[in-house]
């Protein structure tokens, strides 16, 4: 038989393997030493392949190779997370404990490593956002969350509350634009940010929401309050959050501060809006800070919500050396009017108490408006000058020190301590308020649907005035083009459910798909829509 490679008759048989080899070219002849394998009970084991021989020799054992590859994945992810030392060993030990030392390979393993990293960091009160871990391991945030739940359930641990303070400080540290600020201003921004974060928790702005957008919103507001230009788009580069969500949280924060200003019962309080709250924020935050430092009664029913000492707040903006001349009438040293009577007595912010203190609301409003306008226009120098031909003087340095920073809310506190604090506003969760509004609107739709059904079934009792009720429900909606009917898909579904005798209490909950599956067949629904 010739060689299959060189076609020469120079084949010899190897003494060890028994294979035919060409002595001229050295080519090993294929399929020469083939033996049939018998897979019976007593059949031979075979010649080339034997039990237990796979993975031996120069080929790594499968288990060792799996652990080696898993360790490489862990090392790569730890490098991305910036973790070293004891934290890495703690994460490895957790992975080994859960997998019984087997580790693993596949698309699930990086997600599993990220989940263990999140649990370890969260248990140690260290900030490691889930969005950042999900971006590093290349998965969806919800998928990582499900893996975290499995890890927590397997280990039987309870994760602590999310640390907003550490997250805020970490974000401030990562922003390069804040590195150029002096130490005092940086510390001021940190303490004010922590204060507003705790106030936001009191106002339930963090309830049921992702935490990082609120942290971004507070940082942007505090930076603007201290004269640092910092946009939301610039901050979100360092965190994995949506710009739209951060803007919503920023707007909600401004709205809460506006409500606090309205409850202060000051002459200019009703003029505070979302657009000018930054200008009024110093006195509003001073009010909140002083309110949080005040000792409350054990019986909350005896606490007057309007009771507040204006001395500490307004004395910063009304110094002893201030004088105004307006319309040939001089209002000099207005701050002395707050020194009437006992200095330890509590002075309220109502108009009645202002009259007793011999200061008129018009004068107080005039002083504040002139101060705010002159600070915004940059005309204040702290010296005597002239504005619009009228002589004025004001100590601007006293107003720059409006932030006290002595409130306990300027520090890291437990959730129970935060909730028990009073900052002058008792707010409900935004999700609860929105749910109440949706429920009320749905009740109106049910009422109008019952009117339409009654008008169709009893035409003689038709009242044309009832048709305007539905228009009032959709009055606030903007439409790109006019439509012939104001009845939408939700109104049609409510009518179908009412015709099938579904209780109004069940319809108010809004689970339309479930109710349709339980009470309405597809053929019956089509018949109702046709008629």
Protein backbone atom coordinates (compact mmCIF):
# COMPACT_ATOMS: atom_id res chain seq x y z
CA UNK A 1 0.00 0.00 0.00
CA UNK A 2 1.57 3.36 -1.02
CA UNK A 3 1.83 6.42 1.24
CA UNK A 4 -1.18 8.72 1.00
CA UNK A 5 1.10 11.78 0.98
CA UNK A 6 4.11 10.97 -1.28
CA UNK A 7 2.72 7.83 -2.98
CA UNK A 8 5.94 5.86 -2.27
CA UNK A 9 6.01 2.28 -1.03
CA UNK A 10 8.02 3.07 2.09
CA UNK A 11 5.55 2.44 4.94
CA UNK A 12 6.79 0.99 8.21
CA UNK A 13 4.89 0.16 11.39
CA UNK A 14 5.78 1.89 14.63
CA UNK A 15 6.74 -0.51 17.41
CA UNK A 16 5.08 1.48 20.19
CA UNK A 17 1.77 2.67 18.75
CA UNK A 18 1.41 0.19 15.93
CA UNK A 19 0.57 2.91 13.41
CA UNK A 20 1.90 2.98 9.84
CA UNK A 21 4.39 5.79 9.17
CA UNK A 22 6.06 6.73 5.87
CA UNK A 23 9.83 6.43 6.24
CA UNK A 24 10.43 8.95 3.42
CA UNK A 25 8.12 11.84 4.34
CA UNK A 26 7.18 10.84 7.93
CA UNK A 27 3.43 11.12 7.28
CA UNK A 28 1.20 9.17 9.66
CA UNK A 29 -1.29 7.05 7.81
CA UNK A 30 -4.85 7.71 8.90
CA UNK A 31 -7.49 5.08 9.70
CA UNK A 32 -4.94 2.28 9.74
CA UNK A 33 -5.22 1.22 13.37
CA UNK A 34 -9.00 1.60 13.73
CA UNK A 35 -10.75 -0.89 16.02
CA UNK A 36 -14.50 -1.17 16.34
CA UNK A 37 -15.89 -0.28 19.77
CA UNK A 38 -18.36 -2.71 21.27
CA UNK A 39 -20.76 -0.99 23.68
CA UNK A 40 -21.99 -4.10 25.38
CA UNK A 41 -21.81 -4.94 29.04
CA UNK A 42 -18.57 -6.89 28.66
CA UNK A 43 -17.26 -5.08 25.56
CA UNK A 44 -13.63 -3.87 25.27
CA UNK A 45 -12.64 -0.47 26.60
CA UNK A 46 -11.09 0.64 23.35
CA UNK A 47 -7.56 1.45 22.28
CA UNK A 48 -7.24 5.24 21.80
CA UNK A 49 -9.88 6.46 24.28
CA UNK A 50 -10.10 5.09 27.78
CA UNK A 51 -12.12 6.01 30.84
CA UNK A 52 -10.48 8.67 33.03
CA UNK A 53 -7.84 9.61 30.50
CA UNK A 54 -9.48 12.85 29.28
CA UNK A 55 -7.90 16.08 30.55
CA UNK A 56 -4.67 14.44 31.70
CA UNK A 57 -1.19 15.18 30.56
CA UNK A 58 -0.70 18.55 28.85
CA UNK A 59 -4.43 19.44 28.96
CA UNK A 60 -5.69 21.19 32.11
CA UNK A 61 -8.34 19.53 34.17
CA UNK A 62 -11.79 21.03 33.49
CA UNK A 63 -12.45 22.02 37.10
CA UNK A 64 -9.07 23.69 37.52
CA UNK A 65 -9.50 25.52 34.23
CA UNK A 66 -12.98 26.70 35.25
CA UNK A 67 -11.68 28.10 38.54
CA UNK A 68 -8.74 29.72 36.76
CA UNK A 69 -11.01 31.48 34.23
CA UNK A 70 -13.42 32.54 37.00
CA UNK A 71 -10.55 34.10 38.97
CA UNK A 72 -9.54 36.08 35.89
CA UNK A 73 -13.09 37.46 35.57
CA UNK A 74 -13.13 38.42 39.25
CA UNK A 75 -9.74 40.15 39.00
CA UNK A 76 -10.88 42.11 35.93
CA UNK A 77 -14.08 43.29 37.60
CA UNK A 78 -12.34 44.21 40.85
CA UNK A 79 -9.94 46.35 38.81
CA UNK A 80 -12.90 48.12 37.16
CA UNK A 81 -14.58 48.70 40.52
CA UNK A 82 -11.33 50.02 42.03
CA UNK A 83 -11.37 47.52 44.90
CA UNK A 84 -8.28 46.01 46.47
CA UNK A 85 -7.14 44.23 49.60
CA UNK A 86 -9.63 42.94 52.13
CA UNK A 87 -12.71 43.85 50.08
CA UNK A 88 -11.58 41.66 47.19
CA UNK A 89 -10.95 38.74 49.54
CA UNK A 90 -14.37 39.23 51.14
CA UNK A 91 -16.04 39.14 47.73
CA UNK A 92 -14.09 36.01 46.71
CA UNK A 93 -15.04 34.26 49.92
CA UNK A 94 -18.72 35.11 49.37
CA UNK A 95 -18.58 33.74 45.80
CA UNK A 96 -16.82 30.57 46.98
CA UNK A 97 -19.32 30.09 49.81
CA UNK A 98 -22.37 30.41 47.57
CA UNK A 99 -20.95 28.13 44.81
CA UNK A 100 -19.39 25.62 47.24
CA UNK A 101 -15.95 26.39 45.85
CA UNK A 102 -16.95 25.55 42.26
CA UNK A 103 -17.14 29.19 41.02
CA UNK A 104 -18.48 29.12 37.46
CA UNK A 105 -18.31 30.21 33.84
CA UNK A 106 -20.85 31.64 31.44
CA UNK A 107 -22.78 34.87 30.93
CA UNK A 108 -24.32 34.64 34.39
CA UNK A 109 -21.05 34.64 36.32
CA UNK A 110 -20.04 38.34 35.82
CA UNK A 111 -23.56 39.33 36.94
CA UNK A 112 -23.15 37.10 39.97
CA UNK A 113 -19.80 38.73 40.81
CA UNK A 114 -21.40 42.18 40.49
CA UNK A 115 -24.25 41.15 42.80
CA UNK A 116 -21.81 39.88 45.45
CA UNK A 117 -19.83 43.11 45.15
CA UNK A 118 -22.98 45.18 45.70
CA UNK A 119 -23.99 43.13 48.75
CA UNK A 120 -20.53 43.40 50.34
CA UNK A 121 -20.27 47.16 49.78
CA UNK A 122 -23.83 47.85 50.87
CA UNK A 123 -23.39 45.76 54.03
CA UNK A 124 -20.32 47.82 54.92
CA UNK A 125 -22.16 51.14 54.33
CA UNK A 126 -19.98 51.84 51.31
CA UNK A 127 -21.43 53.47 48.23
CA UNK A 128 -21.40 51.34 45.08
CA UNK A 129 -24.41 52.28 42.90
CA UNK A 130 -26.19 49.40 41.23
CA UNK A 131 -26.25 51.29 37.94
CA UNK A 132 -22.46 51.59 37.98
CA UNK A 133 -22.03 47.86 38.65
CA UNK A 134 -24.55 46.95 35.94
CA UNK A 135 -22.66 49.07 33.40
CA UNK A 136 -19.37 47.38 34.35
CA UNK A 137 -20.65 43.80 34.04
CA UNK A 138 -22.65 44.59 30.89
CA UNK A 139 -26.17 43.77 32.02
CA UNK A 140 -29.45 45.50 32.75
CA UNK A 141 -29.98 47.08 36.15
CA UNK A 142 -33.12 45.02 36.76
CA UNK A 143 -31.27 41.80 35.94
CA UNK A 144 -28.56 42.71 38.45
CA UNK A 145 -31.24 43.52 41.02
CA UNK A 146 -32.77 40.06 40.64
CA UNK A 147 -29.36 38.47 41.17
CA UNK A 148 -28.82 40.63 44.27
CA UNK A 149 -32.13 39.39 45.69
CA UNK A 150 -31.08 35.78 45.12
CA UNK A 151 -27.75 36.36 46.86
CA UNK A 152 -29.42 38.08 49.84
CA UNK A 153 -32.02 35.31 50.18
CA UNK A 154 -29.36 32.58 49.98
CA UNK A 155 -27.15 34.18 52.63
CA UNK A 156 -30.07 35.32 54.79
CA UNK A 157 -28.65 38.83 55.27
CA UNK A 158 -30.51 42.14 55.56
CA UNK A 159 -29.10 45.07 53.68
CA UNK A 160 -29.03 48.45 55.47
CA UNK A 161 -30.76 51.54 54.13
CA UNK A 162 -29.17 53.34 51.21
CA UNK A 163 -26.67 55.90 52.46
CA UNK A 164 -27.55 59.19 50.76
CA UNK A 165 -24.85 61.10 52.63
CA UNK A 166 -22.01 58.85 51.47
CA UNK A 167 -23.36 58.90 47.94
CA UNK A 168 -23.47 62.71 47.98
CA UNK A 169 -19.92 63.01 49.38
CA UNK A 170 -18.63 60.51 46.83
CA UNK A 171 -20.18 62.50 43.99
CA UNK A 172 -18.71 65.76 45.32
CA UNK A 173 -15.29 64.12 45.50
CA UNK A 174 -15.47 62.86 41.91
CA UNK A 175 -16.45 66.22 40.39
CA UNK A 176 -13.33 67.91 39.07
CA UNK A 177 -15.02 71.31 38.83
CA UNK A 178 -15.31 71.44 42.64
CA UNK A 179 -11.62 70.77 43.21
CA UNK A 180 -10.80 74.43 42.51
CA UNK A 181 -12.97 75.69 45.38
CA UNK A 182 -11.45 76.73 48.67
CA UNK A 183 -11.79 74.48 51.68
CA UNK A 184 -14.40 76.59 53.50
CA UNK A 185 -16.73 76.77 50.53
CA UNK A 186 -16.34 73.05 49.87
CA UNK A 187 -17.24 72.26 53.46
CA UNK A 188 -20.17 74.66 53.21
CA UNK A 189 -21.49 72.89 50.11
CA UNK A 190 -21.17 69.50 51.78
CA UNK A 191 -23.06 70.51 54.93
CA UNK A 192 -25.80 72.31 53.00
CA UNK A 193 -26.18 69.34 50.67
CA UNK A 194 -26.48 66.91 53.58
CA UNK A 195 -29.06 69.20 55.18
CA UNK A 196 -31.21 69.36 52.04
CA UNK A 197 -30.86 65.61 51.47
CA UNK A 198 -32.22 64.95 54.95
CA UNK A 199 -35.02 67.45 54.32
CA UNK A 200 -35.84 65.65 51.06
CA UNK A 201 -36.13 62.38 52.97
CA UNK A 202 -38.52 64.08 55.41
CA UNK A 203 -40.58 65.24 52.41
CA UNK A 204 -40.61 61.67 50.99
CA UNK A 205 -38.87 62.71 47.77
CA UNK A 206 -36.77 59.54 48.02
CA UNK A 207 -39.61 57.13 48.79
CA UNK A 208 -39.94 54.48 46.08
CA UNK A 209 -37.46 56.25 43.80
CA UNK A 210 -33.94 55.70 42.61
CA UNK A 211 -31.62 57.55 44.98
CA UNK A 212 -28.97 59.00 42.66
CA UNK A 213 -31.20 61.47 40.73
CA UNK A 214 -32.15 63.12 44.03
CA UNK A 215 -28.47 63.34 45.01
CA UNK A 216 -27.68 65.01 41.67
CA UNK A 217 -30.55 67.48 42.07
CA UNK A 218 -29.46 68.52 45.58
CA UNK A 219 -25.84 68.97 44.50
CA UNK A 220 -26.79 71.16 41.53
CA UNK A 221 -29.05 73.34 43.71
CA UNK A 222 -26.47 73.77 46.48
CA UNK A 223 -23.76 74.61 43.94
CA UNK A 224 -25.99 77.27 42.37
CA UNK A 225 -26.77 78.62 45.83
CA UNK A 226 -23.04 79.12 46.47
CA UNK A 227 -22.30 80.72 43.12
CA UNK A 228 -20.82 77.64 41.40
CA UNK A 229 -21.96 77.04 37.83
CA UNK A 230 -22.81 73.36 37.67
CA UNK A 231 -25.36 71.87 35.27
CA UNK A 232 -27.23 68.61 35.55
CA UNK A 233 -25.76 67.42 32.25
CA UNK A 234 -22.28 67.89 33.65
CA UNK A 235 -22.97 65.97 36.84
CA UNK A 236 -24.64 62.95 35.21
CA UNK A 237 -21.36 62.16 33.43
CA UNK A 238 -20.10 60.76 36.73
CA UNK A 239 -23.23 58.73 37.55
CA UNK A 240 -25.36 56.38 35.47
CA UNK A 241 -28.71 58.18 35.68
CA UNK A 242 -31.05 59.83 33.19
CA UNK A 243 -31.00 63.60 32.79
CA UNK A 244 -34.81 63.75 32.61
CA UNK A 245 -35.17 62.03 35.99
CA UNK A 246 -32.66 64.40 37.61
CA UNK A 247 -34.59 67.40 36.26
CA UNK A 248 -37.81 66.04 37.75
CA UNK A 249 -36.19 65.65 41.17
CA UNK A 250 -34.72 69.15 40.88
CA UNK A 251 -38.16 70.58 40.13
CA UNK A 252 -39.72 68.66 43.03
CA UNK A 253 -37.05 70.02 45.39
CA UNK A 254 -37.75 73.58 44.29
CA UNK A 255 -41.49 73.08 44.73
CA UNK A 256 -41.02 71.88 48.30
CA UNK A 257 -38.85 74.89 49.15
CA UNK A 258 -41.53 77.16 47.67
CA UNK A 259 -44.14 75.55 49.93
CA UNK A 260 -41.91 76.17 52.94
CA UNK A 261 -41.63 79.83 51.94
CA UNK A 262 -45.42 80.08 51.66
CA UNK A 263 -45.90 78.64 55.13
CA UNK A 264 -43.51 81.16 56.70
CA UNK A 265 -46.28 83.81 56.62
CA UNK A 266 -43.88 86.58 55.65
CA UNK A 267 -45.05 89.61 53.65
CA UNK A 268 -43.17 88.45 50.55
CA UNK A 269 -43.80 84.73 51.08
CA UNK A 270 -46.56 84.50 48.49
CA UNK A 271 -44.29 86.03 45.85
CA UNK A 272 -41.82 83.13 46.04
CA UNK A 273 -42.05 80.84 43.00
CA UNK A 274 -39.98 78.10 41.43
CA UNK A 275 -38.26 80.65 39.20
CA UNK A 276 -37.01 82.90 42.02
CA UNK A 277 -36.59 80.40 44.86
CA UNK A 278 -32.78 80.49 44.50
CA UNK A 279 -32.84 84.19 45.38
CA UNK A 280 -35.06 83.54 48.41
CA UNK A 281 -33.36 80.29 49.40
CA UNK A 282 -31.03 81.78 52.08
CA UNK A 283 -33.85 82.95 54.32
CA UNK A 284 -35.94 79.83 53.59
CA UNK A 285 -33.11 77.46 54.50
CA UNK A 286 -32.29 79.56 57.56
CA UNK A 287 -35.90 79.18 58.64
CA UNK A 288 -35.73 75.41 58.10
CA UNK A 289 -32.43 75.16 59.97
CA UNK A 290 -33.68 77.15 62.96
CA UNK A 291 -36.91 75.13 62.97
CA UNK A 292 -34.98 71.84 63.06
CA UNK A 293 -32.85 73.08 65.98
CA UNK A 294 -35.88 74.04 68.02
CA UNK A 295 -36.91 71.83 70.93
CA UNK A 296 -40.38 70.42 70.26
CA UNK A 297 -43.10 69.52 72.67
CA UNK A 298 -43.75 65.86 73.32
CA UNK A 299 -47.37 66.48 72.49
CA UNK A 300 -47.41 67.49 68.83
CA UNK A 301 -50.96 68.79 69.14
CA UNK A 302 -49.69 71.62 71.34
CA UNK A 303 -47.12 72.74 68.77
CA UNK A 304 -48.18 75.77 66.75
CA UNK A 305 -46.96 75.32 63.13
CA UNK A 306 -46.75 79.11 62.70
CA UNK A 307 -44.66 79.60 65.82
CA UNK A 308 -41.16 80.62 64.85
CA UNK A 309 -38.50 82.98 66.12
CA UNK A 310 -37.68 85.49 63.38
CA UNK A 311 -34.81 87.01 65.34
CA UNK A 312 -32.24 84.43 64.25
CA UNK A 313 -33.37 84.48 60.63
CA UNK A 314 -33.95 88.14 59.85
CA UNK A 315 -31.28 89.61 62.10
CA UNK A 316 -28.73 88.37 59.53
CA UNK A 317 -30.36 90.57 56.89
CA UNK A 318 -31.18 93.53 59.16
CA UNK A 319 -27.98 94.76 60.80
CA UNK A 320 -27.73 97.52 63.41
CA UNK A 321 -26.09 99.90 60.94
CA UNK A 322 -28.70 99.74 58.19
CA UNK A 323 -30.54 102.84 57.10
CA UNK A 324 -33.00 103.47 54.23
CA UNK A 325 -34.44 106.72 53.00
CA UNK A 326 -37.48 106.21 50.78
CA UNK A 327 -40.07 108.89 49.93
CA UNK A 328 -38.46 111.21 52.52
CA UNK A 329 -39.25 108.74 55.28
CA UNK A 330 -36.35 107.11 57.10
CA UNK A 331 -36.63 103.59 58.42
CA UNK A 332 -33.51 103.22 60.51
CA UNK A 333 -32.14 100.22 62.37
CA UNK A 334 -35.17 98.01 61.78
CA UNK A 335 -33.56 95.14 63.61
CA UNK A 336 -33.96 96.88 66.97
CA UNK A 337 -37.71 96.35 66.76
CA UNK A 338 -37.11 92.65 67.33
CA UNK A 339 -35.54 93.38 70.71
CA UNK A 340 -38.84 94.36 72.36
CA UNK A 341 -39.68 92.61 75.64
CA UNK A 342 -38.04 89.43 76.84
CA UNK A 343 -35.24 88.33 74.56
CA UNK A 344 -35.93 84.68 75.33
CA UNK A 345 -39.59 84.99 74.38
CA UNK A 346 -40.65 83.39 71.15
CA UNK A 347 -41.63 85.85 68.43
CA UNK A 348 -44.07 84.64 65.83
CA UNK A 349 -44.19 85.55 62.17
CA UNK A 350 -47.85 86.59 61.98
CA UNK A 351 -48.94 90.09 61.00
CA UNK A 352 -50.43 90.63 64.49
CA UNK A 353 -47.07 90.04 66.16
CA UNK A 354 -45.32 92.25 63.61
CA UNK A 355 -47.64 95.11 64.56
CA UNK A 356 -46.93 94.55 68.24
CA UNK A 357 -43.19 94.67 67.45
CA UNK A 358 -43.69 98.14 65.88
CA UNK A 359 -42.58 97.07 62.40
CA UNK A 360 -44.95 97.22 59.46
CA UNK A 361 -45.17 94.45 56.88
CA UNK A 362 -44.75 97.09 54.13
CA UNK A 363 -41.42 98.26 55.57
CA UNK A 364 -40.17 94.72 56.01
CA UNK A 365 -41.18 93.81 52.46
CA UNK A 366 -39.51 96.96 51.09
CA UNK A 367 -36.24 96.20 52.89
CA UNK A 368 -36.12 92.61 51.68
CA UNK A 369 -36.98 93.45 48.07
CA UNK A 370 -34.36 96.17 47.91
CA UNK A 371 -31.79 93.84 49.41
CA UNK A 372 -32.58 91.01 46.98
CA UNK A 373 -32.55 93.28 43.92
CA UNK A 374 -29.29 94.96 44.88
CA UNK A 375 -27.51 91.67 45.58
CA UNK A 376 -28.68 90.26 42.22
CA UNK A 377 -27.59 93.37 40.30
CA UNK A 378 -24.16 93.43 42.00
CA UNK A 379 -24.52 97.04 43.16
CA UNK A 380 -23.86 96.24 46.81
CA UNK A 381 -20.41 97.07 48.06
CA UNK A 382 -21.13 97.29 51.77
CA UNK A 383 -20.52 101.07 51.77
CA UNK A 384 -22.85 104.03 51.71
CA UNK A 385 -23.94 104.85 48.18
CA UNK A 386 -26.87 105.91 46.08
CA UNK A 387 -29.42 103.81 44.19
CA UNK A 388 -31.96 105.62 41.99
CA UNK A 389 -31.12 108.90 43.69
CA UNK A 390 -31.91 107.62 47.19
CA UNK A 391 -29.29 107.14 49.84
CA UNK A 392 -28.91 103.66 51.27
CA UNK A 393 -26.51 101.53 53.25
CA UNK A 394 -26.37 97.83 54.04
CA UNK A 395 -23.92 95.46 55.66
CA UNK A 396 -23.58 92.70 53.10
CA UNK A 397 -21.16 90.64 55.20
CA UNK A 398 -23.90 89.91 57.70
CA UNK A 399 -26.11 88.48 54.95
CA UNK A 400 -23.36 86.25 53.62
CA UNK A 401 -23.35 84.41 56.92
CA UNK A 402 -26.96 83.27 56.68
CA UNK A 403 -25.91 79.61 56.94
CA UNK A 404 -25.43 78.47 60.51
CA UNK A 405 -24.58 74.82 59.95
CA UNK A 406 -25.29 73.84 63.56
CA UNK A 407 -28.40 71.77 62.87
CA UNK A 408 -28.25 68.04 63.46
CA UNK A 409 -29.63 67.56 59.93
CA UNK A 410 -26.28 68.77 58.59
CA UNK A 411 -24.78 65.48 59.70
CA UNK A 412 -25.26 61.82 58.91
CA UNK A 413 -28.25 60.52 60.88
CA UNK A 414 -30.34 57.41 61.17
CA UNK A 415 -33.60 57.30 59.26
CA UNK A 416 -35.64 57.46 62.47
CA UNK A 417 -33.83 60.61 63.58
CA UNK A 418 -34.40 62.23 60.19
CA UNK A 419 -38.13 61.50 60.10
CA UNK A 420 -38.65 62.86 63.61
CA UNK A 421 -37.14 66.24 62.68
CA UNK A 422 -39.25 69.28 61.82
CA UNK A 423 -38.22 71.65 59.03
CA UNK A 424 -41.47 73.60 58.76
CA UNK A 425 -43.28 71.46 56.19
CA UNK A 426 -45.19 68.20 56.57
CA UNK A 427 -45.43 66.73 53.09
CA UNK A 428 -46.97 63.56 51.70
CA UNK A 429 -45.16 61.21 49.27
CA UNK A 430 -45.50 62.44 45.67
CA UNK A 431 -46.54 58.96 44.55
CA UNK A 432 -49.39 58.97 47.08
CA UNK A 433 -50.56 62.42 45.94
CA UNK A 434 -50.44 61.34 42.32
CA UNK A 435 -52.35 58.16 43.14
CA UNK A 436 -55.08 60.16 44.86
CA UNK A 437 -55.38 62.44 41.84
CA UNK A 438 -55.61 59.47 39.45
CA UNK A 439 -58.23 57.84 41.67
CA UNK A 440 -60.32 61.02 41.76
CA UNK A 441 -60.10 61.39 37.98
CA UNK A 442 -61.12 57.76 37.52
CA UNK A 443 -64.14 58.29 39.75
CA UNK A 444 -65.19 61.23 37.59
CA UNK A 445 -64.84 59.08 34.48
CA UNK A 446 -67.05 56.40 36.05
CA UNK A 447 -69.66 59.00 36.94
CA UNK A 448 -69.67 60.41 33.40
CA UNK A 449 -69.80 56.90 31.88
CA UNK A 450 -72.88 56.10 33.97
CA UNK A 451 -74.50 59.31 32.70
CA UNK A 452 -73.80 58.35 29.07
CA UNK A 453 -75.18 54.85 29.57
CA UNK A 454 -78.32 56.24 31.21
CA UNK A 455 -78.83 58.76 28.39
CA UNK A 456 -78.61 56.00 25.78
CA UNK A 457 -80.90 53.57 27.64
CA UNK A 458 -83.39 56.27 28.63
CA UNK A 459 -83.38 58.98 25.92
CA UNK A 460 -86.37 60.75 27.41
CA UNK A 461 -84.37 61.55 30.56
CA UNK A 462 -81.41 62.98 28.65
CA UNK A 463 -79.92 66.10 30.19
CA UNK A 464 -77.58 67.97 27.82
CA UNK A 465 -75.83 69.63 30.73
CA UNK A 466 -74.27 66.28 31.70
CA UNK A 467 -72.22 66.10 28.51
CA UNK A 468 -69.96 68.90 29.72
CA UNK A 469 -68.66 66.81 32.60
CA UNK A 470 -66.27 64.77 30.44
CA UNK A 471 -64.83 67.88 28.84
CA UNK A 472 -63.86 69.18 32.29
CA UNK A 473 -61.88 65.98 32.94
CA UNK A 474 -59.78 66.35 29.78
CA UNK A 475 -59.58 70.14 29.93
CA UNK A 476 -55.94 70.18 31.01
CA UNK A 477 -54.69 67.92 28.19
CA UNK A 478 -52.93 69.37 25.17
CA UNK A 479 -53.87 67.88 21.83
CA UNK A 480 -51.91 68.25 18.61
CA UNK A 481 -55.07 68.17 16.54
CA UNK A 482 -58.74 68.45 17.29
CA UNK A 483 -60.76 65.28 17.62
CA UNK A 484 -64.43 64.79 17.01
CA UNK A 485 -65.12 63.00 20.30
CA UNK A 486 -63.75 63.46 23.81
CA UNK A 487 -64.34 59.79 24.67
CA UNK A 488 -61.09 57.83 24.91
CA UNK A 489 -60.18 54.16 25.25
CA UNK A 490 -60.35 54.34 29.05
CA UNK A 491 -63.93 55.67 28.92
CA UNK A 492 -64.96 52.84 26.57
CA UNK A 493 -63.44 50.20 28.84
CA UNK A 494 -65.20 51.71 31.87
CA UNK A 495 -68.50 51.60 30.00
CA UNK A 496 -67.96 47.94 29.07
CA UNK A 497 -67.18 47.03 32.68
CA UNK A 498 -70.22 48.92 33.97
CA UNK A 499 -72.47 47.15 31.45
CA UNK A 500 -71.13 43.83 32.73
CA UNK A 501 -72.11 44.74 36.31
CA UNK A 502 -68.57 45.17 37.61
CA UNK A 503 -68.43 47.00 40.95
CA UNK A 504 -67.28 50.60 40.87
CA UNK A 505 -64.80 49.94 43.70
CA UNK A 506 -62.99 47.42 41.50
CA UNK A 507 -62.99 49.73 38.48
CA UNK A 508 -61.49 52.55 40.56
CA UNK A 509 -58.36 50.45 41.16
CA UNK A 510 -57.57 50.64 37.43
CA UNK A 511 -56.71 46.98 36.76
CA UNK A 512 -58.60 46.98 33.46
CA UNK A 513 -56.92 43.96 31.84
CA UNK A 514 -57.63 41.74 34.83
CA UNK A 515 -61.25 42.87 35.02
CA UNK A 516 -61.76 42.32 31.30
CA UNK A 517 -60.35 38.79 31.55
CA UNK A 518 -62.57 37.98 34.54
CA UNK A 519 -65.87 39.52 33.49
CA UNK A 520 -65.81 40.16 29.75
CA UNK A 521 -65.23 37.80 26.83
CA UNK A 522 -63.69 39.01 23.57
CA UNK A 523 -66.88 38.38 21.59
CA UNK A 524 -68.96 40.20 24.18
CA UNK A 525 -66.61 43.17 24.15
CA UNK A 526 -66.73 43.39 20.35
CA UNK A 527 -70.53 43.30 20.43
CA UNK A 528 -70.63 46.15 22.92
CA UNK A 529 -68.22 48.23 20.83
CA UNK A 530 -70.27 47.62 17.66
CA UNK A 531 -73.48 48.76 19.31
